[in-house]
Amino acid sequence: MPRPCTVVCDVGGLAPELASIDVLARLQLAAGCLGVEIRLRHASSELLELIAFAGLRDVLRVENASVEMGRQPEEREERLAVEEEGELRDPAR
């Protein structure tokens, strides 16, 4: 009986934090050594943003979210855009 080449992992209850991303990346690495790919299902938008921020979008693949994940960095850039330059005030003054 042939082994499956893709394993779907439901991450709906996974907290969107760096420790979660670390575990998922290590799981994908170990699976890749066995010729298996991990696909994430039910990832929250926060987890998707963290995956993209960590630069792991191409490593940690999400089922049916390629369009949604493709838009997130653009939205983040708009939210973090800096419009003015100036010096920070000293909070001690």
N, C-alpha and C. Protein backbone atom coordinates (compact mmCIF):
# COMPACT_ATOMS: atom_id res chain seq x y z
N MET A 1 0.84 -1.19 0.00
CA MET A 1 0.00 0.00 0.00
C MET A 1 0.88 1.25 0.00
N PRO A 2 0.72 2.17 -0.96
CA PRO A 2 1.57 3.35 -1.03
C PRO A 2 1.25 4.34 0.09
N ARG A 3 2.30 5.03 0.54
CA ARG A 3 2.12 6.04 1.58
C ARG A 3 1.50 7.29 0.97
N PRO A 4 0.69 8.01 1.75
CA PRO A 4 0.14 9.28 1.22
C PRO A 4 1.27 10.30 1.09
N CYS A 5 1.14 11.16 0.11
CA CYS A 5 2.19 12.17 -0.09
C CYS A 5 1.82 13.50 0.55
N THR A 6 0.57 13.64 1.03
CA THR A 6 0.13 14.87 1.70
C THR A 6 -0.65 14.50 2.95
N VAL A 7 -0.33 15.19 4.04
CA VAL A 7 -1.04 15.02 5.29
C VAL A 7 -1.68 16.36 5.63
N VAL A 8 -2.98 16.34 5.91
CA VAL A 8 -3.71 17.56 6.27
C VAL A 8 -3.74 17.67 7.79
N CYS A 9 -3.33 18.82 8.28
CA CYS A 9 -3.27 19.06 9.72
C CYS A 9 -4.23 20.19 10.08
N ASP A 10 -5.23 19.90 10.91
CA ASP A 10 -6.19 20.91 11.34
C ASP A 10 -5.56 21.75 12.44
N VAL A 11 -5.33 23.03 12.15
CA VAL A 11 -4.68 23.93 13.10
C VAL A 11 -5.65 24.99 13.61
N GLY A 12 -6.94 24.71 13.52
CA GLY A 12 -7.96 25.66 13.95
C GLY A 12 -7.84 26.07 15.40
N GLY A 13 -7.37 25.19 16.27
CA GLY A 13 -7.24 25.50 17.69
C GLY A 13 -5.85 25.92 18.09
N LEU A 14 -4.96 26.08 17.12
CA LEU A 14 -3.57 26.42 17.41
C LEU A 14 -3.42 27.91 17.66
N ALA A 15 -2.73 28.26 18.74
CA ALA A 15 -2.51 29.67 19.08
C ALA A 15 -1.57 30.32 18.08
N PRO A 16 -1.88 31.54 17.65
CA PRO A 16 -1.01 32.25 16.71
C PRO A 16 0.19 32.85 17.42
N GLU A 17 1.19 32.03 17.70
CA GLU A 17 2.40 32.50 18.37
C GLU A 17 3.61 31.83 17.74
N LEU A 18 4.79 32.39 18.00
CA LEU A 18 6.00 31.90 17.36
C LEU A 18 6.29 30.44 17.69
N ALA A 19 5.96 29.99 18.89
CA ALA A 19 6.19 28.59 19.25
C ALA A 19 5.38 27.67 18.33
N SER A 20 4.18 28.06 17.99
CA SER A 20 3.35 27.27 17.08
C SER A 20 3.98 27.19 15.69
N ILE A 21 4.49 28.32 15.21
CA ILE A 21 5.14 28.36 13.90
C ILE A 21 6.38 27.48 13.91
N ASP A 22 7.13 27.51 15.01
CA ASP A 22 8.33 26.69 15.13
C ASP A 22 7.98 25.20 15.04
N VAL A 23 6.95 24.78 15.76
CA VAL A 23 6.53 23.38 15.73
C VAL A 23 6.07 22.98 14.34
N LEU A 24 5.28 23.82 13.69
CA LEU A 24 4.79 23.51 12.35
C LEU A 24 5.93 23.42 11.34
N ALA A 25 6.91 24.31 11.45
CA ALA A 25 8.05 24.28 10.53
C ALA A 25 8.88 23.02 10.74
N ARG A 26 9.08 22.62 11.99
CA ARG A 26 9.82 21.39 12.28
C ARG A 26 9.06 20.16 11.79
N LEU A 27 7.74 20.18 11.95
CA LEU A 27 6.91 19.09 11.46
C LEU A 27 7.02 18.97 9.95
N GLN A 28 6.97 20.10 9.25
CA GLN A 28 7.10 20.09 7.79
C GLN A 28 8.47 19.60 7.37
N LEU A 29 9.52 20.00 8.09
CA LEU A 29 10.87 19.56 7.78
C LEU A 29 10.99 18.04 7.93
N ALA A 30 10.49 17.51 9.04
CA ALA A 30 10.55 16.06 9.26
C ALA A 30 9.72 15.32 8.21
N ALA A 31 8.55 15.84 7.90
CA ALA A 31 7.70 15.20 6.89
C ALA A 31 8.37 15.24 5.53
N GLY A 32 9.02 16.35 5.21
CA GLY A 32 9.71 16.48 3.93
C GLY A 32 10.81 15.44 3.76
N CYS A 33 11.49 15.12 4.87
CA CYS A 33 12.53 14.08 4.81
C CYS A 33 11.95 12.72 4.47
N LEU A 34 10.68 12.53 4.76
CA LEU A 34 9.99 11.27 4.46
C LEU A 34 9.24 11.33 3.13
N GLY A 35 9.34 12.45 2.43
CA GLY A 35 8.65 12.61 1.16
C GLY A 35 7.18 12.95 1.31
N VAL A 36 6.81 13.48 2.46
CA VAL A 36 5.42 13.83 2.75
C VAL A 36 5.31 15.34 2.91
N GLU A 37 4.21 15.91 2.44
CA GLU A 37 3.96 17.34 2.59
C GLU A 37 2.84 17.55 3.60
N ILE A 38 3.00 18.56 4.44
CA ILE A 38 1.97 18.92 5.42
C ILE A 38 1.17 20.08 4.84
N ARG A 39 -0.14 19.98 4.89
CA ARG A 39 -1.05 21.07 4.51
C ARG A 39 -1.84 21.47 5.74
N LEU A 40 -1.92 22.76 5.99
CA LEU A 40 -2.65 23.27 7.15
C LEU A 40 -4.08 23.58 6.77
N ARG A 41 -5.00 23.24 7.64
CA ARG A 41 -6.42 23.50 7.41
C ARG A 41 -6.99 24.25 8.61
N HIS A 42 -7.92 25.15 8.35
CA HIS A 42 -8.61 25.96 9.36
C HIS A 42 -7.68 26.88 10.13
N ALA A 43 -6.66 27.40 9.46
CA ALA A 43 -5.74 28.34 10.10
C ALA A 43 -6.44 29.68 10.29
N SER A 44 -6.28 30.27 11.46
CA SER A 44 -6.87 31.59 11.72
C SER A 44 -6.14 32.65 10.91
N SER A 45 -6.77 33.79 10.74
CA SER A 45 -6.14 34.88 10.00
C SER A 45 -4.88 35.35 10.72
N GLU A 46 -4.88 35.32 12.05
CA GLU A 46 -3.70 35.71 12.82
C GLU A 46 -2.55 34.75 12.57
N LEU A 47 -2.85 33.45 12.51
CA LEU A 47 -1.81 32.46 12.25
C LEU A 47 -1.28 32.63 10.83
N LEU A 48 -2.15 32.90 9.88
CA LEU A 48 -1.72 33.13 8.50
C LEU A 48 -0.80 34.35 8.40
N GLU A 49 -1.14 35.40 9.13
CA GLU A 49 -0.31 36.60 9.14
C GLU A 49 1.06 36.31 9.73
N LEU A 50 1.09 35.52 10.80
CA LEU A 50 2.35 35.18 11.45
C LEU A 50 3.21 34.30 10.54
N ILE A 51 2.59 33.38 9.83
CA ILE A 51 3.31 32.53 8.88
C ILE A 51 3.94 33.40 7.79
N ALA A 52 3.17 34.35 7.28
CA ALA A 52 3.69 35.25 6.24
C ALA A 52 4.80 36.14 6.80
N PHE A 53 4.61 36.67 8.00
CA PHE A 53 5.61 37.54 8.63
C PHE A 53 6.92 36.80 8.86
N ALA A 54 6.82 35.51 9.22
CA ALA A 54 8.01 34.70 9.47
C ALA A 54 8.69 34.27 8.18
N GLY A 55 8.07 34.57 7.04
CA GLY A 55 8.66 34.21 5.76
C GLY A 55 8.50 32.74 5.42
N LEU A 56 7.50 32.09 6.01
CA LEU A 56 7.31 30.65 5.83
C LEU A 56 6.09 30.31 4.99
N ARG A 57 5.60 31.27 4.25
CA ARG A 57 4.40 31.05 3.43
C ARG A 57 4.61 29.92 2.42
N ASP A 58 5.80 29.83 1.83
CA ASP A 58 6.06 28.78 0.84
C ASP A 58 6.40 27.44 1.48
N VAL A 59 6.72 27.45 2.77
CA VAL A 59 7.06 26.22 3.48
C VAL A 59 5.83 25.62 4.15
N LEU A 60 5.07 26.46 4.85
CA LEU A 60 3.87 26.01 5.55
C LEU A 60 2.67 26.33 4.67
N ARG A 61 2.25 25.37 3.93
CA ARG A 61 1.17 25.58 2.95
C ARG A 61 -0.19 25.39 3.60
N VAL A 62 -1.11 26.25 3.22
CA VAL A 62 -2.45 26.24 3.80
C VAL A 62 -3.43 25.84 2.71
N GLU A 63 -4.31 24.92 3.03
CA GLU A 63 -5.34 24.50 2.08
C GLU A 63 -6.30 25.63 1.78
N ASN A 64 -6.58 25.87 0.51
CA ASN A 64 -7.59 26.83 0.05
C ASN A 64 -7.41 28.23 0.61
N ALA A 65 -6.19 28.67 0.83
CA ALA A 65 -5.98 30.02 1.34
C ALA A 65 -4.97 30.79 0.53
N SER A 66 -4.63 30.33 -0.66
CA SER A 66 -3.59 31.01 -1.43
C SER A 66 -4.00 32.43 -1.80
N VAL A 67 -5.26 32.65 -2.11
CA VAL A 67 -5.71 34.00 -2.46
C VAL A 67 -5.69 34.88 -1.23
N GLU A 68 -6.20 34.38 -0.11
CA GLU A 68 -6.24 35.18 1.11
C GLU A 68 -4.83 35.50 1.60
N MET A 69 -3.94 34.50 1.59
CA MET A 69 -2.58 34.75 2.06
C MET A 69 -1.85 35.70 1.12
N GLY A 70 -2.17 35.67 -0.16
CA GLY A 70 -1.52 36.54 -1.11
C GLY A 70 -1.82 38.01 -0.86
N ARG A 71 -2.97 38.32 -0.24
CA ARG A 71 -3.34 39.71 0.01
C ARG A 71 -2.78 40.24 1.31
N GLN A 72 -2.50 39.42 2.28
CA GLN A 72 -2.16 39.90 3.61
C GLN A 72 -0.92 40.79 3.68
N PRO A 73 0.20 40.46 3.03
CA PRO A 73 1.34 41.36 3.15
C PRO A 73 1.04 42.77 2.64
N GLU A 74 0.24 42.88 1.58
CA GLU A 74 -0.11 44.19 1.05
C GLU A 74 -0.91 44.97 2.08
N GLU A 75 -1.87 44.32 2.74
CA GLU A 75 -2.67 44.99 3.76
C GLU A 75 -1.78 45.42 4.92
N ARG A 76 -0.83 44.56 5.31
CA ARG A 76 0.05 44.88 6.42
C ARG A 76 0.90 46.09 6.08
N GLU A 77 1.39 46.16 4.85
CA GLU A 77 2.21 47.30 4.44
C GLU A 77 1.42 48.60 4.56
N GLU A 78 0.16 48.58 4.22
CA GLU A 78 -0.64 49.79 4.34
C GLU A 78 -0.81 50.20 5.80
N ARG A 79 -1.03 49.23 6.68
CA ARG A 79 -1.22 49.55 8.09
C ARG A 79 0.05 50.08 8.73
N LEU A 80 1.22 49.61 8.27
CA LEU A 80 2.47 49.99 8.89
C LEU A 80 3.18 51.13 8.17
N ALA A 81 2.55 51.70 7.19
CA ALA A 81 3.19 52.76 6.41
C ALA A 81 3.50 53.97 7.31
N VAL A 82 4.65 54.56 7.09
CA VAL A 82 5.07 55.74 7.84
C VAL A 82 4.91 56.94 6.92
N GLU A 83 4.18 57.94 7.38
CA GLU A 83 3.93 59.10 6.55
C GLU A 83 4.81 60.29 6.92
N GLU A 84 5.30 60.34 8.14
CA GLU A 84 6.11 61.48 8.56
C GLU A 84 7.40 60.98 9.19
N GLU A 85 8.41 61.83 9.12
CA GLU A 85 9.65 61.56 9.82
C GLU A 85 9.79 62.57 10.93
N GLY A 86 10.43 62.17 11.98
CA GLY A 86 10.65 63.09 13.08
C GLY A 86 11.45 62.41 14.17
N GLU A 87 11.87 63.18 15.15
CA GLU A 87 12.62 62.63 16.25
C GLU A 87 11.66 62.22 17.36
N LEU A 88 12.03 61.13 18.02
CA LEU A 88 11.24 60.69 19.15
C LEU A 88 11.48 61.60 20.34
N ARG A 89 10.43 61.90 21.05
CA ARG A 89 10.57 62.73 22.24
C ARG A 89 11.12 61.88 23.38
N ASP A 90 11.91 62.50 24.22
CA ASP A 90 12.47 61.82 25.39
C ASP A 90 11.37 61.71 26.45
N PRO A 91 10.97 60.47 26.82
CA PRO A 91 9.88 60.34 27.81
C PRO A 91 10.26 60.88 29.19
N ALA A 92 11.57 61.08 29.46
CA ALA A 92 11.98 61.61 30.77
C ALA A 92 11.72 63.10 30.89
N ARG A 93 11.47 63.77 29.78
CA ARG A 93 11.27 65.23 29.83
C ARG A 93 9.85 65.58 30.04
